[in-house]
Amino acid sequence: MDSPQTDERSLHTQRVLPFDAAAIYGAFADGATLASWWGPAGFSNAFEVFEFREGGAWVFDMIGPDGQRYANRSVFQRLVAGECVVIRHDCAPWFTLTVALTPAPQGTRLDWTQTFDDPKFMQAMRGVLVPANEQNLDRLTAALHG
């Protein structure tokens, strides 16, 4: 795991996962699998709409460990099997998540870049967002280990 990098609007982290790119991409493409790992530790998901195609909607609630529900609305902007997933979070906080997959000797390098529309929001929330993104990737890894 590499340490996260940031600029004024973006958070970036990178990991080499011991899985091929098709398996990682599949963890996004399959709604049940995605629901099992999406979000920080302790969260679960209830998907209302999941249209995994470019331009497709993704509407769901993230449910916190305390039961509080957080409404989310996103659009899948770019999908290239085994290469990338670009998701536009279409409600507050507004951001674009780009996940790039590149073959690596031990599996696949995953580059996770979250770019926020409002740099002040990102800077204010960086202390929460960085560990939340790391937890998200921990959960992805655990889901792929099955």
N, C-alpha and C. Protein backbone atom coordinates (compact mmCIF):
# COMPACT_ATOMS: atom_id res chain seq x y z
N MET A 1 0.85 -1.18 0.00
CA MET A 1 0.00 0.00 0.00
C MET A 1 0.89 1.23 0.00
N ASP A 2 0.60 2.16 -0.87
CA ASP A 2 1.30 3.42 -0.88
C ASP A 2 0.51 4.41 -0.05
N SER A 3 1.20 5.42 0.47
CA SER A 3 0.49 6.42 1.25
C SER A 3 -0.32 7.31 0.31
N PRO A 4 -1.46 7.80 0.80
CA PRO A 4 -2.31 8.64 -0.04
C PRO A 4 -1.60 9.94 -0.40
N GLN A 5 -1.87 10.43 -1.60
CA GLN A 5 -1.36 11.71 -2.05
C GLN A 5 -2.56 12.63 -2.23
N THR A 6 -2.32 13.90 -2.03
CA THR A 6 -3.43 14.85 -2.20
C THR A 6 -2.94 16.09 -2.93
N ASP A 7 -3.88 16.78 -3.55
CA ASP A 7 -3.67 18.15 -3.99
C ASP A 7 -4.85 18.92 -3.42
N GLU A 8 -5.09 20.11 -3.88
CA GLU A 8 -6.14 20.91 -3.24
C GLU A 8 -7.55 20.38 -3.46
N ARG A 9 -7.77 19.57 -4.50
CA ARG A 9 -9.11 19.04 -4.79
C ARG A 9 -9.20 17.53 -4.78
N SER A 10 -8.07 16.83 -4.81
CA SER A 10 -8.08 15.39 -5.04
C SER A 10 -7.37 14.61 -3.95
N LEU A 11 -7.88 13.43 -3.72
CA LEU A 11 -7.23 12.43 -2.88
C LEU A 11 -6.86 11.27 -3.78
N HIS A 12 -5.65 10.78 -3.62
CA HIS A 12 -5.20 9.67 -4.47
C HIS A 12 -4.51 8.64 -3.60
N THR A 13 -4.90 7.40 -3.79
CA THR A 13 -4.19 6.31 -3.15
C THR A 13 -3.99 5.21 -4.18
N GLN A 14 -3.00 4.40 -3.92
CA GLN A 14 -2.64 3.35 -4.87
C GLN A 14 -2.30 2.09 -4.08
N ARG A 15 -2.74 0.96 -4.61
CA ARG A 15 -2.41 -0.33 -4.01
C ARG A 15 -2.20 -1.34 -5.12
N VAL A 16 -1.37 -2.31 -4.84
CA VAL A 16 -1.28 -3.48 -5.71
C VAL A 16 -2.08 -4.57 -5.02
N LEU A 17 -3.11 -5.04 -5.71
CA LEU A 17 -3.97 -6.09 -5.18
C LEU A 17 -3.60 -7.41 -5.85
N PRO A 18 -3.63 -8.51 -5.08
CA PRO A 18 -3.23 -9.81 -5.64
C PRO A 18 -4.33 -10.49 -6.45
N PHE A 19 -4.95 -9.73 -7.34
CA PHE A 19 -6.05 -10.22 -8.17
C PHE A 19 -5.85 -9.67 -9.57
N ASP A 20 -6.43 -10.35 -10.56
CA ASP A 20 -6.34 -9.79 -11.90
C ASP A 20 -7.35 -8.66 -12.05
N ALA A 21 -7.12 -7.83 -13.07
CA ALA A 21 -7.96 -6.65 -13.28
C ALA A 21 -9.42 -7.02 -13.53
N ALA A 22 -9.65 -8.16 -14.18
CA ALA A 22 -11.03 -8.58 -14.45
C ALA A 22 -11.79 -8.83 -13.15
N ALA A 23 -11.14 -9.43 -12.16
CA ALA A 23 -11.80 -9.70 -10.88
C ALA A 23 -12.12 -8.40 -10.15
N ILE A 24 -11.19 -7.46 -10.18
CA ILE A 24 -11.42 -6.17 -9.50
C ILE A 24 -12.55 -5.42 -10.20
N TYR A 25 -12.50 -5.36 -11.51
CA TYR A 25 -13.57 -4.71 -12.27
C TYR A 25 -14.91 -5.38 -11.97
N GLY A 26 -14.90 -6.70 -11.89
CA GLY A 26 -16.12 -7.44 -11.58
C GLY A 26 -16.70 -7.10 -10.23
N ALA A 27 -15.85 -6.71 -9.27
CA ALA A 27 -16.33 -6.32 -7.94
C ALA A 27 -17.10 -5.00 -7.99
N PHE A 28 -16.90 -4.21 -9.04
CA PHE A 28 -17.71 -3.02 -9.28
C PHE A 28 -18.94 -3.36 -10.11
N ALA A 29 -18.78 -4.24 -11.08
CA ALA A 29 -19.84 -4.52 -12.06
C ALA A 29 -21.00 -5.32 -11.49
N ASP A 30 -20.76 -6.12 -10.47
CA ASP A 30 -21.79 -6.95 -9.88
C ASP A 30 -22.38 -6.22 -8.66
N GLY A 31 -23.65 -5.86 -8.73
CA GLY A 31 -24.29 -5.07 -7.68
C GLY A 31 -24.21 -5.70 -6.30
N ALA A 32 -24.44 -7.01 -6.21
CA ALA A 32 -24.40 -7.68 -4.89
C ALA A 32 -23.00 -7.63 -4.31
N THR A 33 -22.00 -7.83 -5.15
CA THR A 33 -20.61 -7.76 -4.67
C THR A 33 -20.27 -6.34 -4.25
N LEU A 34 -20.61 -5.37 -5.09
CA LEU A 34 -20.33 -3.97 -4.77
C LEU A 34 -20.99 -3.58 -3.45
N ALA A 35 -22.23 -3.96 -3.27
CA ALA A 35 -22.94 -3.62 -2.03
C ALA A 35 -22.25 -4.22 -0.81
N SER A 36 -21.55 -5.34 -0.98
CA SER A 36 -20.92 -6.00 0.17
C SER A 36 -19.66 -5.29 0.65
N TRP A 37 -19.04 -4.46 -0.20
CA TRP A 37 -17.78 -3.84 0.23
C TRP A 37 -17.75 -2.32 0.13
N TRP A 38 -18.71 -1.70 -0.50
CA TRP A 38 -18.64 -0.26 -0.74
C TRP A 38 -18.78 0.52 0.57
N GLY A 39 -17.88 1.45 0.78
CA GLY A 39 -17.96 2.35 1.93
C GLY A 39 -16.97 2.00 3.02
N PRO A 40 -16.89 2.88 4.01
CA PRO A 40 -15.96 2.65 5.12
C PRO A 40 -16.39 1.47 5.99
N ALA A 41 -15.48 1.06 6.85
CA ALA A 41 -15.75 -0.05 7.78
C ALA A 41 -17.02 0.22 8.57
N GLY A 42 -17.84 -0.82 8.71
CA GLY A 42 -19.06 -0.73 9.50
C GLY A 42 -20.29 -0.29 8.73
N PHE A 43 -20.12 0.14 7.48
CA PHE A 43 -21.25 0.59 6.68
C PHE A 43 -21.80 -0.57 5.85
N SER A 44 -23.10 -0.48 5.55
CA SER A 44 -23.73 -1.39 4.61
C SER A 44 -24.45 -0.54 3.57
N ASN A 45 -25.04 -1.19 2.58
CA ASN A 45 -25.66 -0.48 1.47
C ASN A 45 -26.99 -1.09 1.10
N ALA A 46 -27.91 -0.23 0.69
CA ALA A 46 -29.19 -0.66 0.13
C ALA A 46 -29.33 0.01 -1.24
N PHE A 47 -29.17 -0.78 -2.30
CA PHE A 47 -29.23 -0.23 -3.66
C PHE A 47 -30.68 -0.15 -4.12
N GLU A 48 -31.05 1.00 -4.66
CA GLU A 48 -32.37 1.19 -5.24
C GLU A 48 -32.30 1.04 -6.77
N VAL A 49 -31.26 1.65 -7.38
CA VAL A 49 -31.04 1.57 -8.83
C VAL A 49 -29.56 1.26 -9.03
N PHE A 50 -29.28 0.27 -9.88
CA PHE A 50 -27.90 -0.07 -10.20
C PHE A 50 -27.82 -0.43 -11.67
N GLU A 51 -27.42 0.55 -12.50
CA GLU A 51 -27.36 0.37 -13.94
C GLU A 51 -25.89 0.47 -14.36
N PHE A 52 -25.17 -0.64 -14.27
CA PHE A 52 -23.74 -0.63 -14.55
C PHE A 52 -23.50 -0.60 -16.06
N ARG A 53 -23.56 0.62 -16.58
CA ARG A 53 -23.27 0.92 -17.99
C ARG A 53 -22.95 2.40 -18.05
N GLU A 54 -22.21 2.81 -19.06
CA GLU A 54 -21.90 4.24 -19.17
C GLU A 54 -23.20 5.03 -19.27
N GLY A 55 -23.32 6.04 -18.42
CA GLY A 55 -24.53 6.84 -18.33
C GLY A 55 -25.56 6.26 -17.39
N GLY A 56 -25.29 5.08 -16.85
CA GLY A 56 -26.25 4.42 -15.96
C GLY A 56 -26.26 5.04 -14.57
N ALA A 57 -27.42 4.97 -13.94
CA ALA A 57 -27.61 5.53 -12.61
C ALA A 57 -27.26 4.50 -11.53
N TRP A 58 -26.82 5.04 -10.41
CA TRP A 58 -26.57 4.24 -9.22
C TRP A 58 -27.13 5.04 -8.05
N VAL A 59 -28.25 4.59 -7.53
CA VAL A 59 -28.94 5.28 -6.45
C VAL A 59 -29.01 4.31 -5.27
N PHE A 60 -28.54 4.76 -4.12
CA PHE A 60 -28.48 3.86 -2.97
C PHE A 60 -28.35 4.64 -1.68
N ASP A 61 -28.61 3.95 -0.59
CA ASP A 61 -28.36 4.48 0.74
C ASP A 61 -27.17 3.75 1.32
N MET A 62 -26.23 4.49 1.87
CA MET A 62 -25.20 3.91 2.72
C MET A 62 -25.76 3.97 4.13
N ILE A 63 -25.61 2.89 4.85
CA ILE A 63 -26.18 2.80 6.18
C ILE A 63 -25.04 2.69 7.19
N GLY A 64 -24.94 3.70 8.05
CA GLY A 64 -23.87 3.76 9.04
C GLY A 64 -24.04 2.72 10.12
N PRO A 65 -22.98 2.50 10.89
CA PRO A 65 -23.03 1.53 11.99
C PRO A 65 -24.14 1.85 13.00
N ASP A 66 -24.53 3.13 13.08
CA ASP A 66 -25.60 3.55 14.00
C ASP A 66 -26.99 3.46 13.37
N GLY A 67 -27.07 2.97 12.12
CA GLY A 67 -28.34 2.84 11.43
C GLY A 67 -28.74 4.06 10.61
N GLN A 68 -28.00 5.16 10.73
CA GLN A 68 -28.33 6.35 9.96
C GLN A 68 -28.10 6.07 8.48
N ARG A 69 -29.04 6.55 7.66
CA ARG A 69 -28.98 6.33 6.21
C ARG A 69 -28.48 7.60 5.53
N TYR A 70 -27.59 7.40 4.55
CA TYR A 70 -27.00 8.49 3.78
C TYR A 70 -27.34 8.26 2.31
N ALA A 71 -28.20 9.12 1.78
CA ALA A 71 -28.64 8.98 0.38
C ALA A 71 -27.50 9.33 -0.56
N ASN A 72 -27.32 8.52 -1.60
CA ASN A 72 -26.30 8.73 -2.61
C ASN A 72 -26.92 8.58 -3.99
N ARG A 73 -26.45 9.41 -4.92
CA ARG A 73 -26.88 9.34 -6.31
C ARG A 73 -25.64 9.54 -7.18
N SER A 74 -25.36 8.58 -8.02
CA SER A 74 -24.18 8.65 -8.88
C SER A 74 -24.53 8.22 -10.29
N VAL A 75 -23.60 8.52 -11.20
CA VAL A 75 -23.72 8.10 -12.59
C VAL A 75 -22.40 7.45 -12.99
N PHE A 76 -22.49 6.31 -13.65
CA PHE A 76 -21.29 5.66 -14.18
C PHE A 76 -20.91 6.40 -15.46
N GLN A 77 -19.82 7.16 -15.40
CA GLN A 77 -19.44 7.99 -16.55
C GLN A 77 -18.61 7.24 -17.58
N ARG A 78 -17.69 6.43 -17.11
CA ARG A 78 -16.81 5.71 -18.04
C ARG A 78 -16.53 4.34 -17.47
N LEU A 79 -16.72 3.32 -18.28
CA LEU A 79 -16.48 1.94 -17.87
C LEU A 79 -15.71 1.24 -18.98
N VAL A 80 -14.52 0.77 -18.65
CA VAL A 80 -13.72 -0.01 -19.59
C VAL A 80 -13.32 -1.28 -18.84
N ALA A 81 -13.89 -2.40 -19.26
CA ALA A 81 -13.68 -3.67 -18.55
C ALA A 81 -12.20 -3.93 -18.33
N GLY A 82 -11.86 -4.19 -17.08
CA GLY A 82 -10.49 -4.52 -16.71
C GLY A 82 -9.52 -3.35 -16.71
N GLU A 83 -10.03 -2.14 -16.98
CA GLU A 83 -9.13 -0.98 -17.05
C GLU A 83 -9.53 0.19 -16.17
N CYS A 84 -10.81 0.57 -16.19
CA CYS A 84 -11.18 1.74 -15.38
C CYS A 84 -12.68 1.80 -15.11
N VAL A 85 -12.97 2.47 -14.01
CA VAL A 85 -14.34 2.79 -13.61
C VAL A 85 -14.31 4.27 -13.20
N VAL A 86 -15.17 5.08 -13.81
CA VAL A 86 -15.29 6.49 -13.44
C VAL A 86 -16.73 6.72 -13.02
N ILE A 87 -16.87 7.19 -11.78
CA ILE A 87 -18.19 7.40 -11.17
C ILE A 87 -18.32 8.86 -10.79
N ARG A 88 -19.40 9.49 -11.22
CA ARG A 88 -19.70 10.87 -10.82
C ARG A 88 -20.72 10.83 -9.69
N HIS A 89 -20.32 11.29 -8.51
CA HIS A 89 -21.23 11.39 -7.35
C HIS A 89 -22.03 12.66 -7.57
N ASP A 90 -23.32 12.49 -7.84
CA ASP A 90 -24.19 13.55 -8.33
C ASP A 90 -25.05 14.20 -7.26
N CYS A 91 -24.55 14.22 -6.04
CA CYS A 91 -25.21 14.91 -4.93
C CYS A 91 -24.10 15.29 -3.95
N ALA A 92 -24.44 16.11 -2.97
CA ALA A 92 -23.41 16.54 -2.02
C ALA A 92 -22.86 15.35 -1.24
N PRO A 93 -21.56 15.28 -1.07
CA PRO A 93 -20.53 16.13 -1.65
C PRO A 93 -20.24 15.73 -3.10
N TRP A 94 -20.19 16.70 -3.99
CA TRP A 94 -19.99 16.44 -5.42
C TRP A 94 -18.52 16.10 -5.69
N PHE A 95 -18.33 14.96 -6.35
CA PHE A 95 -16.97 14.54 -6.71
C PHE A 95 -17.03 13.53 -7.84
N THR A 96 -15.87 13.29 -8.43
CA THR A 96 -15.70 12.23 -9.43
C THR A 96 -14.65 11.27 -8.90
N LEU A 97 -14.99 9.99 -8.92
CA LEU A 97 -14.07 8.94 -8.51
C LEU A 97 -13.58 8.23 -9.77
N THR A 98 -12.26 8.18 -9.92
CA THR A 98 -11.65 7.45 -11.03
C THR A 98 -10.83 6.31 -10.45
N VAL A 99 -11.15 5.10 -10.88
CA VAL A 99 -10.41 3.91 -10.47
C VAL A 99 -9.75 3.36 -11.72
N ALA A 100 -8.42 3.39 -11.73
CA ALA A 100 -7.66 2.87 -12.87
C ALA A 100 -6.99 1.56 -12.46
N LEU A 101 -7.02 0.59 -13.34
CA LEU A 101 -6.45 -0.74 -13.11
C LEU A 101 -5.33 -0.99 -14.11
N THR A 102 -4.16 -1.35 -13.59
CA THR A 102 -2.99 -1.57 -14.43
C THR A 102 -2.33 -2.87 -14.00
N PRO A 103 -1.99 -3.76 -14.94
CA PRO A 103 -1.30 -4.99 -14.57
C PRO A 103 -0.01 -4.69 -13.81
N ALA A 104 0.27 -5.50 -12.80
CA ALA A 104 1.48 -5.38 -11.99
C ALA A 104 2.01 -6.79 -11.74
N PRO A 105 3.30 -6.92 -11.43
CA PRO A 105 3.87 -8.26 -11.23
C PRO A 105 3.13 -9.12 -10.19
N GLN A 106 2.63 -8.50 -9.14
CA GLN A 106 1.94 -9.27 -8.09
C GLN A 106 0.42 -9.26 -8.23
N GLY A 107 -0.10 -8.76 -9.33
CA GLY A 107 -1.55 -8.69 -9.52
C GLY A 107 -1.94 -7.49 -10.36
N THR A 108 -2.63 -6.54 -9.73
CA THR A 108 -3.10 -5.34 -10.43
C THR A 108 -2.89 -4.12 -9.54
N ARG A 109 -2.31 -3.08 -10.14
CA ARG A 109 -2.20 -1.81 -9.42
C ARG A 109 -3.53 -1.08 -9.58
N LEU A 110 -4.11 -0.69 -8.46
CA LEU A 110 -5.34 0.08 -8.43
C LEU A 110 -5.01 1.50 -8.02
N ASP A 111 -5.34 2.46 -8.86
CA ASP A 111 -5.20 3.88 -8.54
C ASP A 111 -6.59 4.44 -8.30
N TRP A 112 -6.81 4.96 -7.11
CA TRP A 112 -8.12 5.46 -6.66
C TRP A 112 -7.97 6.96 -6.48
N THR A 113 -8.63 7.74 -7.35
CA THR A 113 -8.53 9.20 -7.29
C THR A 113 -9.92 9.79 -7.14
N GLN A 114 -10.11 10.52 -6.06
CA GLN A 114 -11.38 11.15 -5.76
C GLN A 114 -11.16 12.66 -5.88
N THR A 115 -11.82 13.28 -6.87
CA THR A 115 -11.64 14.71 -7.14
C THR A 115 -12.94 15.44 -6.82
N PHE A 116 -12.86 16.35 -5.87
CA PHE A 116 -14.03 17.07 -5.38
C PHE A 116 -14.21 18.39 -6.13
N ASP A 117 -15.46 18.76 -6.35
CA ASP A 117 -15.78 20.04 -6.98
C ASP A 117 -15.33 21.20 -6.09
N ASP A 118 -15.47 21.04 -4.78
CA ASP A 118 -15.19 22.10 -3.81
C ASP A 118 -13.91 21.77 -3.05
N PRO A 119 -12.81 22.46 -3.36
CA PRO A 119 -11.55 22.16 -2.68
C PRO A 119 -11.62 22.44 -1.17
N LYS A 120 -12.45 23.41 -0.77
CA LYS A 120 -12.56 23.71 0.67
C LYS A 120 -13.20 22.54 1.41
N PHE A 121 -14.20 21.91 0.80
CA PHE A 121 -14.81 20.73 1.42
C PHE A 121 -13.77 19.63 1.57
N MET A 122 -13.03 19.35 0.50
CA MET A 122 -12.05 18.27 0.55
C MET A 122 -11.01 18.54 1.62
N GLN A 123 -10.51 19.75 1.71
CA GLN A 123 -9.50 20.06 2.72
C GLN A 123 -10.07 19.93 4.13
N ALA A 124 -11.30 20.38 4.33
CA ALA A 124 -11.92 20.29 5.65
C ALA A 124 -12.19 18.85 6.07
N MET A 125 -12.48 17.99 5.09
CA MET A 125 -12.86 16.61 5.38
C MET A 125 -11.73 15.60 5.15
N ARG A 126 -10.58 16.07 4.77
CA ARG A 126 -9.47 15.17 4.43
C ARG A 126 -9.19 14.15 5.53
N GLY A 127 -9.23 14.58 6.79
CA GLY A 127 -8.95 13.69 7.90
C GLY A 127 -9.95 12.54 8.03
N VAL A 128 -11.14 12.72 7.50
CA VAL A 128 -12.16 11.66 7.48
C VAL A 128 -12.06 10.85 6.19
N LEU A 129 -11.86 11.55 5.08
CA LEU A 129 -11.89 10.92 3.76
C LEU A 129 -10.72 9.97 3.52
N VAL A 130 -9.53 10.34 3.94
CA VAL A 130 -8.36 9.49 3.69
C VAL A 130 -8.54 8.12 4.35
N PRO A 131 -8.84 8.06 5.66
CA PRO A 131 -9.04 6.72 6.24
C PRO A 131 -10.27 6.01 5.69
N ALA A 132 -11.32 6.74 5.33
CA ALA A 132 -12.52 6.10 4.76
C ALA A 132 -12.18 5.43 3.43
N ASN A 133 -11.38 6.10 2.59
CA ASN A 133 -10.99 5.50 1.32
C ASN A 133 -10.12 4.26 1.54
N GLU A 134 -9.22 4.33 2.50
CA GLU A 134 -8.38 3.16 2.82
C GLU A 134 -9.25 1.99 3.29
N GLN A 135 -10.24 2.28 4.13
CA GLN A 135 -11.15 1.23 4.61
C GLN A 135 -11.95 0.65 3.45
N ASN A 136 -12.35 1.49 2.51
CA ASN A 136 -13.07 1.01 1.34
C ASN A 136 -12.21 0.01 0.57
N LEU A 137 -10.94 0.33 0.37
CA LEU A 137 -10.05 -0.58 -0.34
C LEU A 137 -9.76 -1.84 0.46
N ASP A 138 -9.70 -1.72 1.79
CA ASP A 138 -9.56 -2.91 2.64
C ASP A 138 -10.75 -3.84 2.43
N ARG A 139 -11.94 -3.26 2.38
CA ARG A 139 -13.16 -4.05 2.21
C ARG A 139 -13.23 -4.68 0.82
N LEU A 140 -12.78 -3.96 -0.20
CA LEU A 140 -12.71 -4.53 -1.56
C LEU A 140 -11.78 -5.74 -1.56
N THR A 141 -10.62 -5.58 -0.96
CA THR A 141 -9.66 -6.69 -0.90
C THR A 141 -10.25 -7.90 -0.18
N ALA A 142 -10.91 -7.67 0.94
CA ALA A 142 -11.53 -8.77 1.70
C ALA A 142 -12.63 -9.45 0.87
N ALA A 143 -13.43 -8.66 0.15
CA ALA A 143 -14.50 -9.23 -0.67
C ALA A 143 -13.93 -10.11 -1.78
N LEU A 144 -12.81 -9.69 -2.35
CA LEU A 144 -12.20 -10.48 -3.42
C LEU A 144 -11.52 -11.73 -2.89
N HIS A 145 -11.07 -11.68 -1.65
CA HIS A 145 -10.50 -12.89 -1.04
C HIS A 145 -11.60 -13.91 -0.75
N GLY A 146 -12.85 -13.40 -0.68
CA GLY A 146 -14.03 -14.25 -0.52
C GLY A 146 -14.08 -14.91 0.80
